[in-house]
C-alpha atoms as a PDB file:
ATOM      1  CA  UNK A   1      81.006  80.996  98.286  1.00  0.00           C
ATOM      2  CA  UNK A   2      79.047  82.235  95.495  1.00  0.00           C
ATOM      3  CA  UNK A   3      79.225  79.345  92.097  1.00  0.00           C
ATOM      4  CA  UNK A   4      77.343  80.649  88.881  1.00  0.00           C
ATOM      5  CA  UNK A   5      76.253  77.607  87.168  1.00  0.00           C
ATOM      6  CA  UNK A   6      75.727  78.543  83.430  1.00  0.00           C
ATOM      7  CA  UNK A   7      75.508  77.340  80.007  1.00  0.00           C
ATOM      8  CA  UNK A   8      73.244  77.757  77.088  1.00  0.00           C
ATOM      9  CA  UNK A   9      69.643  78.557  77.143  1.00  0.00           C
ATOM     10  CA  UNK A  10      67.834  75.639  77.363  1.00  0.00           C
ATOM     11  CA  UNK A  11      70.793  72.752  77.914  1.00  0.00           C
ATOM     12  CA  UNK A  12      69.570  71.184  81.148  1.00  0.00           C
ATOM     13  CA  UNK A  13      71.515  73.327  83.740  1.00  0.00           C
ATOM     14  CA  UNK A  14      67.822  73.276  85.703  1.00  0.00           C
ATOM     15  CA  UNK A  15      67.259  69.319  85.429  1.00  0.00           C
ATOM     16  CA  UNK A  16      70.958  68.707  86.532  1.00  0.00           C
ATOM     17  CA  UNK A  17      70.359  71.017  89.538  1.00  0.00           C
ATOM     18  CA  UNK A  18      67.113  69.028  90.294  1.00  0.00           C
ATOM     19  CA  UNK A  19      69.158  65.793  90.024  1.00  0.00           C
ATOM     20  CA  UNK A  20      72.101  67.335  92.105  1.00  0.00           C
ATOM     21  CA  UNK A  21      69.713  68.087  94.875  1.00  0.00           C
ATOM     22  CA  UNK A  22      67.521  65.035  94.100  1.00  0.00           C
ATOM     23  CA  UNK A  23      69.305  62.958  97.862  1.00  0.00           C
ATOM     24  CA  UNK A  24      70.062  66.466  99.286  1.00  0.00           C
ATOM     25  CA  UNK A  25      68.508  67.706 102.655  1.00  0.00           C
ATOM     26  CA  UNK A  26      70.867  70.945 103.036  1.00  0.00           C
ATOM     27  CA  UNK A  27      69.746  72.624  99.971  1.00  0.00           C
ATOM     28  CA  UNK A  28      66.959  75.045  99.785  1.00  0.00           C
ATOM     29  CA  UNK A  29      65.734  77.778  97.520  1.00  0.00           C
ATOM     30  CA  UNK A  30      63.656  77.766  93.909  1.00  0.00           C
ATOM     31  CA  UNK A  31      64.479  75.924  90.817  1.00  0.00           C
ATOM     32  CA  UNK A  32      62.226  77.018  87.631  1.00  0.00           C
ATOM     33  CA  UNK A  33      61.637  73.813  85.558  1.00  0.00           C
ATOM     34  CA  UNK A  34      59.202  73.105  83.152  1.00  0.00           C
ATOM     35  CA  UNK A  35      55.842  71.583  83.577  1.00  0.00           C
ATOM     36  CA  UNK A  36      54.413  68.944  80.792  1.00  0.00           C
ATOM     37  CA  UNK A  37      52.987  71.977  78.811  1.00  0.00           C
ATOM     38  CA  UNK A  38      57.136  73.432  78.683  1.00  0.00           C
ATOM     39  CA  UNK A  39      55.550  75.866  80.902  1.00  0.00           C
ATOM     40  CA  UNK A  40      57.744  77.364  83.913  1.00  0.00           C
ATOM     41  CA  UNK A  41      57.200  76.860  87.271  1.00  0.00           C
ATOM     42  CA  UNK A  42      58.818  77.912  90.695  1.00  0.00           C
ATOM     43  CA  UNK A  43      59.906  74.705  92.691  1.00  0.00           C
ATOM     44  CA  UNK A  44      60.750  74.938  96.175  1.00  0.00           C
ATOM     45  CA  UNK A  45      63.541  72.958  96.847  1.00  0.00           C
ATOM     46  CA  UNK A  46      63.524  71.975 100.333  1.00  0.00           C
ATOM     47  CA  UNK A  47      59.779  71.326 100.576  1.00  0.00           C
ATOM     48  CA  UNK A  48      58.718  70.496  97.229  1.00  0.00           C
ATOM     49  CA  UNK A  49      56.057  72.503  97.057  1.00  0.00           C
ATOM     50  CA  UNK A  50      55.470  74.639  93.563  1.00  0.00           C
ATOM     51  CA  UNK A  51      53.836  77.532  92.228  1.00  0.00           C
ATOM     52  CA  UNK A  52      52.685  79.175  88.666  1.00  0.00           C
ATOM     53  CA  UNK A  53      55.161  81.302  86.789  1.00  0.00           C
ATOM     54  CA  UNK A  54      54.538  81.389  83.395  1.00  0.00           C
ATOM     55  CA  UNK A  55      51.512  81.756  81.405  1.00  0.00           C
ATOM     56  CA  UNK A  56      49.407  82.008  78.421  1.00  0.00           C
ATOM     57  CA  UNK A  57      47.605  85.039  79.323  1.00  0.00           C
ATOM     58  CA  UNK A  58      45.844  86.549  82.403  1.00  0.00           C
ATOM     59  CA  UNK A  59      45.285  89.541  84.490  1.00  0.00           C
ATOM     60  CA  UNK A  60      47.657  92.401  82.390  1.00  0.00           C
ATOM     61  CA  UNK A  61      48.277  93.882  85.643  1.00  0.00           C
ATOM     62  CA  UNK A  62      49.706  90.688  87.007  1.00  0.00           C
ATOM     63  CA  UNK A  63      51.260  89.955  83.661  1.00  0.00           C
ATOM     64  CA  UNK A  64      55.260  90.463  83.042  1.00  0.00           C
ATOM     65  CA  UNK A  65      55.708  90.052  79.606  1.00  0.00           C
ATOM     66  CA  UNK A  66      59.591  89.343  78.274  1.00  0.00           C
ATOM     67  CA  UNK A  67      60.038  88.575  74.741  1.00  0.00           C
ATOM     68  CA  UNK A  68      57.151  86.134  73.958  1.00  0.00           C
ATOM     69  CA  UNK A  69      56.902  84.844  77.722  1.00  0.00           C
ATOM     70  CA  UNK A  70      54.429  86.290  80.279  1.00  0.00           C
ATOM     71  CA  UNK A  71      54.943  85.129  83.476  1.00  0.00           C
ATOM     72  CA  UNK A  72      52.868  86.417  86.494  1.00  0.00           C
ATOM     73  CA  UNK A  73      54.172  89.511  88.899  1.00  0.00           C
ATOM     74  CA  UNK A  74      52.812  87.904  91.834  1.00  0.00           C
ATOM     75  CA  UNK A  75      54.752  84.936  91.598  1.00  0.00           C
ATOM     76  CA  UNK A  76      57.559  86.588  91.775  1.00  0.00           C
ATOM     77  CA  UNK A  77      56.590  88.868  94.586  1.00  0.00           C
ATOM     78  CA  UNK A  78      56.403  85.092  96.277  1.00  0.00           C
ATOM     79  CA  UNK A  79      59.398  84.123  95.216  1.00  0.00           C
ATOM     80  CA  UNK A  80      61.271  86.897  96.237  1.00  0.00           C
ATOM     81  CA  UNK A  81      59.680  86.867  99.236  1.00  0.00           C
ATOM     82  CA  UNK A  82      60.420  83.261  99.872  1.00  0.00           C
ATOM     83  CA  UNK A  83      63.967  83.504  99.092  1.00  0.00           C
ATOM     84  CA  UNK A  84      64.564  86.406 101.478  1.00  0.00           C
ATOM     85  CA  UNK A  85      62.731  84.347 104.347  1.00  0.00           C
ATOM     86  CA  UNK A  86      64.845  80.934 103.259  1.00  0.00           C
ATOM     87  CA  UNK A  87      68.046  83.281 103.774  1.00  0.00           C
ATOM     88  CA  UNK A  88      67.328  84.342 107.264  1.00  0.00           C
ATOM     89  CA  UNK A  89      67.038  81.511 108.451  1.00  0.00           C
ATOM     90  CA  UNK A  90      70.330  80.054 106.849  1.00  0.00           C
ATOM     91  CA  UNK A  91      68.621  76.659 107.556  1.00  0.00           C
ATOM     92  CA  UNK A  92      71.141  75.162 104.717  1.00  0.00           C
ATOM     93  CA  UNK A  93      74.706  74.901 103.421  1.00  0.00           C
ATOM     94  CA  UNK A  94      73.420  76.070 100.090  1.00  0.00           C
ATOM     95  CA  UNK A  95      71.254  78.124  98.476  1.00  0.00           C
ATOM     96  CA  UNK A  96      69.623  78.428  95.082  1.00  0.00           C
ATOM     97  CA  UNK A  97      68.492  81.181  92.805  1.00  0.00           C
ATOM     98  CA  UNK A  98      66.918  79.901  89.400  1.00  0.00           C
ATOM     99  CA  UNK A  99      67.424  82.078  87.015  1.00  0.00           C
ATOM    100  CA  UNK A 100      69.314  85.487  87.061  1.00  0.00           C
ATOM    101  CA  UNK A 101      68.484  86.786  83.103  1.00  0.00           C
ATOM    102  CA  UNK A 102      67.114  89.830  81.013  1.00  0.00           C
ATOM    103  CA  UNK A 103      64.268  90.711  84.041  1.00  0.00           C
ATOM    104  CA  UNK A 104      66.519  91.363  86.629  1.00  0.00           C
ATOM    105  CA  UNK A 105      69.065  93.141  84.559  1.00  0.00           C
ATOM    106  CA  UNK A 106      66.028  95.416  84.169  1.00  0.00           C
ATOM    107  CA  UNK A 107      66.075  95.286  88.076  1.00  0.00           C
ATOM    108  CA  UNK A 108      62.552  93.247  87.620  1.00  0.00           C
ATOM    109  CA  UNK A 109      61.641  89.653  88.844  1.00  0.00           C
ATOM    110  CA  UNK A 110      63.890  87.667  91.110  1.00  0.00           C
ATOM    111  CA  UNK A 111      66.391  91.475  91.871  1.00  0.00           C
ATOM    112  CA  UNK A 112      64.716  91.930  95.024  1.00  0.00           C
ATOM    113  CA  UNK A 113      66.526  89.273  96.730  1.00  0.00           C
ATOM    114  CA  UNK A 114      68.921  88.780  94.454  1.00  0.00           C
ATOM    115  CA  UNK A 115      70.565  91.584  95.454  1.00  0.00           C
ATOM    116  CA  UNK A 116      70.009  91.519  99.189  1.00  0.00           C
ATOM    117  CA  UNK A 117      71.367  87.886  98.884  1.00  0.00           C
ATOM    118  CA  UNK A 118      74.450  88.029  97.131  1.00  0.00           C
ATOM    119  CA  UNK A 119      75.902  90.571  99.116  1.00  0.00           C
ATOM    120  CA  UNK A 120      75.674  88.169 102.147  1.00  0.00           C
ATOM    121  CA  UNK A 121      77.811  85.898  99.937  1.00  0.00           C
ATOM    122  CA  UNK A 122      80.367  87.095  99.153  1.00  0.00           C
ATOM    123  CA  UNK A 123      83.053  86.183 101.877  1.00  0.00           C
ATOM    124  CA  UNK A 124      80.984  83.456 103.404  1.00  0.00           C
ATOM    125  CA  UNK A 125      82.644  80.461 103.756  1.00  0.00           C
ATOM    126  CA  UNK A 126      80.066  78.008 105.484  1.00  0.00           C
ATOM    127  CA  UNK A 127      77.098  78.088 103.408  1.00  0.00           C
ATOM    128  CA  UNK A 128      76.843  78.637  99.620  1.00  0.00           C
ATOM    129  CA  UNK A 129      75.208  80.110  96.897  1.00  0.00           C
ATOM    130  CA  UNK A 130      74.019  78.402  93.824  1.00  0.00           C
ATOM    131  CA  UNK A 131      72.866  81.019  90.508  1.00  0.00           C
ATOM    132  CA  UNK A 132      71.901  80.302  87.362  1.00  0.00           C
ATOM    133  CA  UNK A 133      73.016  82.508  84.652  1.00  0.00           C
ATOM    134  CA  UNK A 134      73.052  81.828  81.081  1.00  0.00           C
ATOM    135  CA  UNK A 135      76.163  82.187  79.922  1.00  0.00           C
ATOM    136  CA  UNK A 136      75.157  85.024  76.946  1.00  0.00           C
ATOM    137  CA  UNK A 137      74.574  87.082  80.709  1.00  0.00           C
ATOM    138  CA  UNK A 138      77.155  85.679  82.874  1.00  0.00           C
ATOM    139  CA  UNK A 139      79.347  89.047  82.537  1.00  0.00           C
ATOM    140  CA  UNK A 140      76.306  91.565  82.711  1.00  0.00           C
ATOM    141  CA  UNK A 141      74.602  89.828  85.476  1.00  0.00           C
ATOM    142  CA  UNK A 142      78.823  89.168  87.599  1.00  0.00           C
ATOM    143  CA  UNK A 143      78.810  93.456  86.896  1.00  0.00           C
ATOM    144  CA  UNK A 144      74.908  94.288  87.719  1.00  0.00           C
ATOM    145  CA  UNK A 145      75.570  92.634  91.139  1.00  0.00           C
ATOM    146  CA  UNK A 146      79.377  93.131  91.453  1.00  0.00           C
ATOM    147  CA  UNK A 147      79.735  89.521  92.295  1.00  0.00           C
ATOM    148  CA  UNK A 148      83.814  89.880  92.700  1.00  0.00           C
ATOM    149  CA  UNK A 149      84.889  86.809  94.573  1.00  0.00           C
ATOM    150  CA  UNK A 150      82.687  83.401  92.279  1.00  0.00           C
ATOM    151  CA  UNK A 151      83.096  80.300  90.856  1.00  0.00           C
ATOM    152  CA  UNK A 152      81.831  79.584  86.966  1.00  0.00           C
ATOM    153  CA  UNK A 153      80.196  75.902  86.962  1.00  0.00           C
ATOM    154  CA  UNK A 154      78.865  74.020  84.162  1.00  0.00           C
ATOM    155  CA  UNK A 155      76.193  71.484  84.745  1.00  0.00           C
ATOM    156  CA  UNK A 156      79.030  68.616  84.681  1.00  0.00           C
ATOM    157  CA  UNK A 157      80.882  70.282  87.649  1.00  0.00           C
ATOM    158  CA  UNK A 158      77.803  69.608  90.196  1.00  0.00           C
ATOM    159  CA  UNK A 159      79.001  66.903  91.293  1.00  0.00           C
ATOM    160  CA  UNK A 160      82.678  68.496  92.762  1.00  0.00           C
ATOM    161  CA  UNK A 161      80.392  70.300  95.543  1.00  0.00           C
ATOM    162  CA  UNK A 162      79.858  68.206  98.238  1.00  0.00           C
END
């Protein structure tokens, strides 16, 4: 089953998801919270290990800019590899991809892993995929990844996931 957690920008989707994951051992994947400086980083849900994503500056060959944000291409590569490896192991009930947005609509960011993983969950009843998508991009992401069967959740709906 595919769940799409949606809401407006900066409304606490990731924070709500982290709270939901807090006392669970059947969840893996990546979430993308902000650090104390307001910069986004990747957090591996199961191991709680992190690696940077958003930077102020860096090697131009490793920077992917979208709007005012600068992200490390190498971090997206690492994130895609991690998600694909975790998905292949299937050692969870829920897999999280945070988030699919403008970069993924341009076949960048987490697109490679999302494209490969989403196909596997279209009819999967025993394992679940949770995608985080801002509300304004929901229809575009559904169309881009040809997602036909899914359930849309708001952050207050997470409690229904057992």
